[in-house]
């Protein structure tokens, strides 16, 4: 019976707790992306902020979110996912309501910091619980954990695709940025209510005698986990080029950035449509390490194709190829990387490790983006060769990881 579940090729039948976590990711991204795409224009056109100040505000939001994931992960390990998720929802609601009313630089910064910190709380909690539940689901049914994590990833991308459409609809109906903020807050009110009712209290996991402040060092002194962080960082640095190097290339080829919206939509639609079939195929054929190496090699191939771009509208073809290959690489490697974390760290530090994976990668993106920015004016062959070297380096590091991992501590309560 368990074998049949793994081999049917259908979307895995998720248990109630996994369905809740997957729906959470969809709702989080729907509410968030109903607001985020319109934030920069609101700050610049609506509030009259200078361009550098807009960039600072957006950077602070990213830092308060990605940089503090490790805090949310550690709190999840200490108190369990339920209070952390519920607190994050309350703070996100307060942040959106505050941002809707904010009219000065100080109040806007306060609101975006609160919004970012809210995500730093609930995202590591939800992601670590999803990884833990995916391992338990794999043990119980034989369905590869990567296949379950792919459902979670696709749900997030669907929310990221639907959110801007929701924001645009509100604007078309005569709303403004304040309306979009309040709509985002309403989404999170629904998430808060659903989780207050449905999310179980801290699952009964075996307790460890190792306690104290030194525990985080177990994660950061874990060489295989740190290698995975570096591998994942090479992916995120590469993926960030969708927002840095790709716009410059599109403008260089066509004279404007008007085609970017279509390219971003192409990326989101690919994940929504192809993530589950691709992961069903790869989960049964590629060990996690092989999926990481293959995904990064596909990303590098996309970068290598860009210098072939001709001038004019045809110059969009290599850019489109980059988007497609980068997205395909993402779909191969992200579920594999997330699925490896429970094998590399102890279960009682899974929240911290999940947060650390994002925080270390976020720091790498910050440094990598600054370095890439200095190369944007160099000849295209130089720029794209350097960019292709980043995922290739990550692939070489991934080869040092073992194909298998330890057997995680049994966790059954979270699958109900």
Protein backbone atom coordinates (compact mmCIF):
# COMPACT_ATOMS: atom_id res chain seq x y z
CA UNK A 1 0.00 0.00 0.00
CA UNK A 2 2.78 2.41 0.86
CA UNK A 3 4.68 1.48 -2.27
CA UNK A 4 1.68 2.18 -4.45
CA UNK A 5 1.42 5.64 -2.97
CA UNK A 6 4.95 6.36 -4.04
CA UNK A 7 4.60 4.98 -7.54
CA UNK A 8 1.29 6.25 -8.76
CA UNK A 9 2.76 9.45 -10.15
CA UNK A 10 -0.24 11.41 -8.92
CA UNK A 11 -0.04 14.42 -6.68
CA UNK A 12 0.59 13.00 -3.18
CA UNK A 13 -2.50 12.76 -0.98
CA UNK A 14 -1.42 15.01 1.87
CA UNK A 15 -2.58 14.48 5.41
CA UNK A 16 -4.50 17.30 7.11
CA UNK A 17 -1.48 18.93 8.78
CA UNK A 18 0.49 19.04 5.52
CA UNK A 19 -2.55 20.44 3.73
CA UNK A 20 -2.75 23.18 6.35
CA UNK A 21 0.95 24.05 5.94
CA UNK A 22 0.66 24.07 2.15
CA UNK A 23 -2.43 26.29 2.25
CA UNK A 24 -0.53 28.55 4.64
CA UNK A 25 2.26 29.08 2.13
CA UNK A 26 -0.26 29.89 -0.58
CA UNK A 27 -2.11 32.39 1.62
CA UNK A 28 1.10 33.99 2.91
CA UNK A 29 2.33 34.72 -0.59
CA UNK A 30 -1.07 35.83 -1.88
CA UNK A 31 -1.40 38.43 0.87
CA UNK A 32 2.22 39.53 0.64
CA UNK A 33 2.42 39.90 -3.14
CA UNK A 34 -0.87 41.77 -3.26
CA UNK A 35 1.14 44.62 -1.69
CA UNK A 36 4.86 44.23 -2.47
CA UNK A 37 4.86 44.92 -6.25
CA UNK A 38 3.25 48.30 -5.64
CA UNK A 39 5.35 49.39 -2.66
CA UNK A 40 8.18 51.07 -4.59
CA UNK A 41 5.77 53.10 -6.73
CA UNK A 42 3.81 54.14 -3.64
CA UNK A 43 6.96 55.29 -1.87
CA UNK A 44 8.26 57.20 -4.88
CA UNK A 45 5.13 58.58 -6.52
CA UNK A 46 2.71 58.59 -3.61
CA UNK A 47 4.99 59.76 -0.82
CA UNK A 48 7.63 61.53 -2.92
CA UNK A 49 10.63 59.66 -1.55
CA UNK A 50 13.94 59.94 -3.36
CA UNK A 51 15.13 56.89 -5.27
CA UNK A 52 17.93 56.10 -2.81
CA UNK A 53 15.48 56.24 0.08
CA UNK A 54 13.08 53.89 -1.70
CA UNK A 55 15.96 51.46 -2.18
CA UNK A 56 16.91 51.79 1.48
CA UNK A 57 13.37 51.03 2.64
CA UNK A 58 13.14 47.98 0.38
CA UNK A 59 16.54 46.79 1.56
CA UNK A 60 15.53 47.17 5.20
CA UNK A 61 12.44 45.07 4.56
CA UNK A 62 14.54 42.31 3.04
CA UNK A 63 17.05 42.44 5.89
CA UNK A 64 14.38 42.36 8.60
CA UNK A 65 12.93 39.28 6.93
CA UNK A 66 15.69 37.17 5.41
CA UNK A 67 18.40 38.21 7.86
CA UNK A 68 16.28 37.33 10.89
CA UNK A 69 15.01 33.96 9.70
CA UNK A 70 17.50 32.36 12.07
CA UNK A 71 15.73 34.10 14.98
CA UNK A 72 12.33 32.75 13.94
CA UNK A 73 13.82 29.29 13.52
CA UNK A 74 15.39 29.33 16.98
CA UNK A 75 12.11 30.49 18.55
CA UNK A 76 10.29 27.67 16.76
CA UNK A 77 12.67 25.13 18.29
CA UNK A 78 12.17 26.68 21.72
CA UNK A 79 8.41 27.25 21.79
CA UNK A 80 7.02 25.16 18.95
CA UNK A 81 5.51 26.36 15.65
CA UNK A 82 2.04 27.37 16.82
CA UNK A 83 2.86 30.45 18.97
CA UNK A 84 5.50 31.61 16.50
CA UNK A 85 3.16 31.37 13.50
CA UNK A 86 0.29 33.07 15.35
CA UNK A 87 2.56 35.88 16.57
CA UNK A 88 3.91 36.35 13.05
CA UNK A 89 0.38 36.64 11.66
CA UNK A 90 -0.57 39.24 14.27
CA UNK A 91 2.55 41.29 13.50
CA UNK A 92 1.95 41.03 9.73
CA UNK A 93 -1.64 42.28 10.16
CA UNK A 94 -0.41 45.17 12.32
CA UNK A 95 2.35 45.96 9.81
CA UNK A 96 0.02 46.10 6.83
CA UNK A 97 -2.47 48.29 8.71
CA UNK A 98 0.36 50.57 9.81
CA UNK A 99 1.79 50.77 6.27
CA UNK A 100 -1.66 51.70 4.93
CA UNK A 101 -1.63 54.78 7.18
CA UNK A 102 2.10 55.60 7.15
CA UNK A 103 2.90 58.98 5.63
CA UNK A 104 6.41 59.80 6.89
CA UNK A 105 9.77 58.16 6.35
CA UNK A 106 10.00 57.01 9.97
CA UNK A 107 6.54 55.43 10.02
CA UNK A 108 7.07 53.72 6.67
CA UNK A 109 10.38 52.25 7.86
CA UNK A 110 8.74 51.08 11.09
CA UNK A 111 5.91 49.43 9.17
CA UNK A 112 8.13 47.60 6.67
CA UNK A 113 10.45 46.41 9.45
CA UNK A 114 7.43 44.99 11.27
CA UNK A 115 6.18 43.31 8.08
CA UNK A 116 9.61 41.79 7.45
CA UNK A 117 10.07 40.58 11.01
CA UNK A 118 6.64 38.94 10.90
CA UNK A 119 7.79 36.82 7.98
CA UNK A 120 11.03 36.05 9.83
CA UNK A 121 8.84 34.48 12.50
CA UNK A 122 6.27 32.46 10.60
CA UNK A 123 8.21 31.40 7.49
CA UNK A 124 10.93 29.34 9.28
CA UNK A 125 8.24 27.85 11.52
CA UNK A 126 6.11 26.75 8.58
CA UNK A 127 9.06 25.60 6.45
CA UNK A 128 10.67 23.54 9.21
CA UNK A 129 7.34 21.95 10.13
CA UNK A 130 6.73 21.14 6.47
CA UNK A 131 10.14 19.47 6.17
CA UNK A 132 9.54 17.51 9.38
CA UNK A 133 6.05 16.44 8.28
CA UNK A 134 7.36 15.53 4.80
CA UNK A 135 9.89 13.17 6.37
CA UNK A 136 7.17 11.57 8.49
CA UNK A 137 4.93 11.30 5.40
CA UNK A 138 7.78 9.65 3.48
CA UNK A 139 8.26 7.12 6.29
CA UNK A 140 4.56 6.35 6.50
CA UNK A 141 3.66 6.19 2.80
CA UNK A 142 6.86 5.85 0.78
CA UNK A 143 6.19 9.13 -1.05
CA UNK A 144 9.56 10.92 -1.50
CA UNK A 145 9.79 13.97 0.72
CA UNK A 146 10.90 16.08 -2.26
CA UNK A 147 7.56 15.38 -3.90
CA UNK A 148 5.71 16.71 -0.83
CA UNK A 149 8.00 19.74 -0.61
CA UNK A 150 7.34 20.42 -4.29
CA UNK A 151 3.63 20.77 -3.55
CA UNK A 152 4.55 23.31 -0.87
CA UNK A 153 6.81 25.19 -3.32
CA UNK A 154 4.20 25.21 -6.07
CA UNK A 155 1.59 26.53 -3.65
CA UNK A 156 3.92 29.40 -2.75
CA UNK A 157 4.51 30.24 -6.39
CA UNK A 158 0.78 30.13 -7.09
CA UNK A 159 0.29 32.67 -4.31
CA UNK A 160 3.10 34.82 -5.68
CA UNK A 161 1.36 34.74 -9.07
CA UNK A 162 -2.14 35.40 -7.75
CA UNK A 163 -1.16 38.12 -5.26
CA UNK A 164 -0.16 40.78 -7.82
CA UNK A 165 -3.31 40.00 -9.80
CA UNK A 166 -5.35 40.61 -6.66
CA UNK A 167 -3.54 43.91 -6.11
CA UNK A 168 -4.07 44.93 -9.73
CA UNK A 169 -7.77 44.05 -9.53
CA UNK A 170 -8.17 46.26 -6.48
CA UNK A 171 -6.47 49.12 -8.28
CA UNK A 172 -8.65 48.64 -11.37
CA UNK A 173 -11.73 48.75 -9.17
CA UNK A 174 -10.75 52.18 -7.93
CA UNK A 175 -8.72 51.22 -4.90
CA UNK A 176 -5.30 52.56 -4.00
CA UNK A 177 -2.19 51.32 -2.21
CA UNK A 178 -3.99 51.63 1.12
CA UNK A 179 -6.71 49.32 -0.18
CA UNK A 180 -4.09 46.74 -1.22
CA UNK A 181 -2.51 46.89 2.24
CA UNK A 182 -5.84 46.37 3.95
CA UNK A 183 -6.67 43.49 1.59
CA UNK A 184 -3.35 41.88 2.53
CA UNK A 185 -4.21 42.36 6.19
CA UNK A 186 -7.59 40.67 5.64
CA UNK A 187 -5.85 37.65 4.09
CA UNK A 188 -3.68 37.32 7.19
CA UNK A 189 -6.69 37.69 9.47
CA UNK A 190 -8.06 34.60 7.74
CA UNK A 191 -4.73 32.81 8.12
CA UNK A 192 -4.60 33.73 11.82
CA UNK A 193 -8.14 32.49 12.44
CA UNK A 194 -7.53 29.24 10.56
CA UNK A 195 -4.31 28.47 12.40
CA UNK A 196 -5.69 29.39 15.80
CA UNK A 197 -8.36 26.74 15.20
CA UNK A 198 -6.48 24.07 13.22
CA UNK A 199 -2.78 24.24 14.09
CA UNK A 200 -1.90 21.70 16.76
CA UNK A 201 0.09 22.59 19.83
CA UNK A 202 3.74 21.69 19.99
CA UNK A 203 4.05 18.08 18.75
CA UNK A 204 5.29 15.44 21.15
CA UNK A 205 8.89 14.94 20.07
CA UNK A 206 11.55 13.10 22.01
CA UNK A 207 13.34 15.52 24.31
CA UNK A 208 17.11 15.65 24.41
CA UNK A 209 19.32 16.05 27.42
CA UNK A 210 21.44 18.55 25.51
CA UNK A 211 20.16 21.95 26.37
CA UNK A 212 21.65 25.38 26.81
CA UNK A 213 23.05 28.26 24.82
CA UNK A 214 25.65 26.10 23.07
CA UNK A 215 23.04 24.25 21.05
CA UNK A 216 23.09 26.67 18.06
CA UNK A 217 26.79 25.85 17.67
CA UNK A 218 25.75 22.30 16.80
CA UNK A 219 24.20 23.68 13.63
CA UNK A 220 26.91 26.16 12.66
CA UNK A 221 29.72 23.69 13.39
CA UNK A 222 28.02 21.05 11.24
CA UNK A 223 30.20 20.85 8.15
CA UNK A 224 27.73 19.07 5.82
CA UNK A 225 25.02 21.57 6.74
CA UNK A 226 27.34 24.51 6.12
CA UNK A 227 28.23 23.02 2.74
CA UNK A 228 24.51 22.82 1.97
CA UNK A 229 24.18 26.49 2.99
CA UNK A 230 26.94 27.43 0.53
CA UNK A 231 25.35 25.32 -2.21
CA UNK A 232 21.97 26.92 -1.60
CA UNK A 233 23.62 30.35 -1.49
CA UNK A 234 25.05 29.82 -4.97
CA UNK A 235 21.51 29.14 -6.19
CA UNK A 236 20.03 32.22 -4.51
CA UNK A 237 22.82 34.48 -5.78
CA UNK A 238 22.06 33.14 -9.25
CA UNK A 239 18.30 33.48 -8.86
CA UNK A 240 18.68 37.08 -7.72
CA UNK A 241 20.04 37.90 -11.18
CA UNK A 242 16.42 37.90 -12.34
CA UNK A 243 16.20 41.25 -10.56
CA UNK A 244 19.69 42.58 -11.23
CA UNK A 245 21.49 41.33 -14.35
CA UNK A 246 18.42 40.27 -16.35
CA UNK A 247 16.80 43.75 -16.38
CA UNK A 248 20.09 45.26 -17.57
CA UNK A 249 20.34 42.64 -20.32
CA UNK A 250 16.74 43.17 -21.47
CA UNK A 251 17.27 46.92 -21.64
CA UNK A 252 20.56 46.45 -23.47
CA UNK A 253 18.90 44.21 -26.06
CA UNK A 254 15.59 46.05 -26.57
CA UNK A 255 16.10 49.56 -25.22
CA UNK A 256 13.55 49.19 -22.40
CA UNK A 257 12.53 46.92 -19.56
CA UNK A 258 8.92 46.56 -20.66
CA UNK A 259 9.36 42.84 -21.37
CA UNK A 260 10.37 42.03 -17.80
CA UNK A 261 6.81 41.57 -16.57
CA UNK A 262 6.18 38.85 -19.12
CA UNK A 263 9.44 37.10 -18.24
CA UNK A 264 8.62 37.11 -14.53
CA UNK A 265 5.13 35.78 -15.24
CA UNK A 266 6.72 33.05 -17.36
CA UNK A 267 8.85 31.99 -14.40
CA UNK A 268 5.92 31.82 -11.98
CA UNK A 269 3.71 29.94 -14.44
CA UNK A 270 6.45 27.40 -15.09
CA UNK A 271 6.65 26.59 -11.40
CA UNK A 272 2.88 26.36 -11.01
CA UNK A 273 2.50 24.11 -14.07
CA UNK A 274 5.69 22.03 -14.08
CA UNK A 275 6.93 21.80 -10.46
CA UNK A 276 4.89 18.75 -9.48
CA UNK A 277 5.44 16.67 -12.66
CA UNK A 278 9.16 17.46 -12.67
CA UNK A 279 9.56 16.58 -9.01
CA UNK A 280 7.54 13.37 -9.43
CA UNK A 281 10.01 12.38 -12.11
CA UNK A 282 13.18 13.46 -10.31
CA UNK A 283 12.25 12.25 -6.81
CA UNK A 284 12.21 8.62 -7.99
CA UNK A 285 15.24 8.87 -10.28
CA UNK A 286 17.68 11.40 -8.81
CA UNK A 287 19.15 11.24 -5.31
CA UNK A 288 19.11 14.65 -3.57
CA UNK A 289 22.79 15.35 -4.25
CA UNK A 290 22.35 14.56 -7.94
CA UNK A 291 19.27 16.80 -8.09
CA UNK A 292 21.31 19.65 -6.57
CA UNK A 293 24.19 19.21 -9.01
CA UNK A 294 21.88 18.85 -12.01
CA UNK A 295 19.78 21.87 -11.06
CA UNK A 296 22.84 24.11 -10.64
CA UNK A 297 24.29 22.88 -13.94
CA UNK A 298 21.01 23.78 -15.68
CA UNK A 299 21.18 27.28 -14.13
CA UNK A 300 24.77 27.70 -15.34
CA UNK A 301 23.69 26.69 -18.85
CA UNK A 302 21.11 29.46 -18.81
CA UNK A 303 23.75 32.07 -17.96
CA UNK A 304 26.08 30.74 -20.65
CA UNK A 305 23.37 31.25 -23.29
CA UNK A 306 22.90 34.98 -22.67
CA UNK A 307 26.08 36.31 -24.40
CA UNK A 308 24.66 34.87 -27.63
CA UNK A 309 21.91 37.52 -27.60
CA UNK A 310 21.56 39.58 -30.81
CA UNK A 311 20.33 43.17 -30.73
CA UNK A 312 16.66 44.00 -31.14
CA UNK A 313 13.58 41.99 -30.15
CA UNK A 314 15.39 38.74 -30.93
CA UNK A 315 17.64 39.58 -28.02
CA UNK A 316 14.84 38.49 -25.73
CA UNK A 317 15.26 34.86 -26.78
CA UNK A 318 18.42 34.21 -24.73
CA UNK A 319 16.86 36.16 -21.84
CA UNK A 320 13.77 33.93 -22.05
CA UNK A 321 16.02 30.87 -22.19
CA UNK A 322 17.76 32.08 -19.04
CA UNK A 323 14.44 32.48 -17.24
CA UNK A 324 13.28 29.01 -18.32
CA UNK A 325 16.54 27.25 -17.43
CA UNK A 326 16.95 29.11 -14.15
CA UNK A 327 13.41 28.20 -13.17
CA UNK A 328 13.89 24.56 -14.18
CA UNK A 329 17.06 24.43 -12.11
CA UNK A 330 15.19 25.96 -9.19
CA UNK A 331 12.45 23.33 -9.45
CA UNK A 332 15.03 20.54 -9.37
CA UNK A 333 17.22 21.76 -6.55
CA UNK A 334 15.01 23.61 -4.05
CA UNK A 335 12.89 20.60 -2.92
CA UNK A 336 16.07 18.49 -2.79
CA UNK A 337 17.92 21.07 -0.67
CA UNK A 338 15.00 21.57 1.71
CA UNK A 339 14.55 17.82 1.98
CA UNK A 340 18.20 17.32 2.95
CA UNK A 341 18.06 19.61 5.98
CA UNK A 342 16.30 17.07 8.28
CA UNK A 343 19.01 14.53 7.41
CA UNK A 344 21.88 16.86 8.28
CA UNK A 345 20.76 18.30 11.64
CA UNK A 346 19.12 16.97 14.77
CA UNK A 347 15.35 17.23 14.85
CA UNK A 348 15.39 19.52 17.89
CA UNK A 349 17.39 22.11 15.90
CA UNK A 350 15.46 21.84 12.64
CA UNK A 351 13.82 25.26 13.03
CA UNK A 352 17.17 26.96 13.64
CA UNK A 353 18.74 25.15 10.70
CA UNK A 354 15.86 26.07 8.38
CA UNK A 355 16.19 29.71 9.39
CA UNK A 356 19.98 29.61 9.11
CA UNK A 357 19.76 28.23 5.57
CA UNK A 358 17.78 31.31 4.52
CA UNK A 359 19.81 33.80 6.57
CA UNK A 360 23.20 32.60 5.33
CA UNK A 361 21.88 32.59 1.78
CA UNK A 362 20.43 36.07 2.23
CA UNK A 363 23.83 37.37 3.37
CA UNK A 364 25.42 35.73 0.34
CA UNK A 365 22.88 37.45 -1.93
CA UNK A 366 23.72 40.81 -0.34
CA UNK A 367 27.44 40.34 -0.99
CA UNK A 368 26.91 38.71 -4.38
CA UNK A 369 24.59 41.45 -5.59
CA UNK A 370 27.15 44.11 -4.71
CA UNK A 371 29.82 42.19 -6.59
CA UNK A 372 27.55 41.63 -9.59
CA UNK A 373 26.63 45.30 -9.65
CA UNK A 374 30.26 46.20 -10.26
CA UNK A 375 30.30 43.90 -13.31
CA UNK A 376 27.18 45.16 -15.06
CA UNK A 377 29.16 47.58 -17.25
CA UNK A 378 31.76 45.00 -18.26
CA UNK A 379 31.55 43.18 -21.62
CA UNK A 380 28.69 40.70 -21.67
CA UNK A 381 30.94 37.68 -22.12
CA UNK A 382 32.80 38.55 -18.92
CA UNK A 383 29.65 39.21 -16.88
CA UNK A 384 27.80 36.07 -17.89
CA UNK A 385 30.88 33.85 -17.62
CA UNK A 386 31.36 34.99 -14.03
CA UNK A 387 27.67 34.44 -13.31
CA UNK A 388 27.80 30.93 -14.81
CA UNK A 389 30.77 30.15 -12.56
CA UNK A 390 28.68 30.77 -9.42
CA UNK A 391 26.24 27.82 -9.82
CA UNK A 392 29.05 25.65 -11.17
CA UNK A 393 30.99 26.29 -7.97
CA UNK A 394 27.89 25.37 -6.01
CA UNK A 395 27.56 22.15 -8.02
CA UNK A 396 31.17 21.25 -7.21
CA UNK A 397 30.49 21.81 -3.50
CA UNK A 398 27.33 19.70 -3.71
CA UNK A 399 29.41 16.77 -4.93
CA UNK A 400 31.08 16.67 -1.49
CA UNK A 401 27.73 15.91 0.19
CA UNK A 402 26.80 12.29 0.77
CA UNK A 403 23.94 10.84 -1.26
CA UNK A 404 22.20 9.56 1.86
CA UNK A 405 21.62 11.00 5.30
CA UNK A 406 20.93 9.86 8.79
CA UNK A 407 17.52 8.59 9.75
CA UNK A 408 15.63 11.44 11.39
CA UNK A 409 14.09 11.09 14.83
CA UNK A 410 10.55 9.71 14.50
CA UNK A 411 7.89 12.43 14.36
CA UNK A 412 4.35 11.19 14.01
CA UNK A 413 2.22 13.79 15.75
CA UNK A 414 2.70 16.39 13.06
CA UNK A 415 1.16 14.27 10.31
CA UNK A 416 -2.31 14.20 11.78
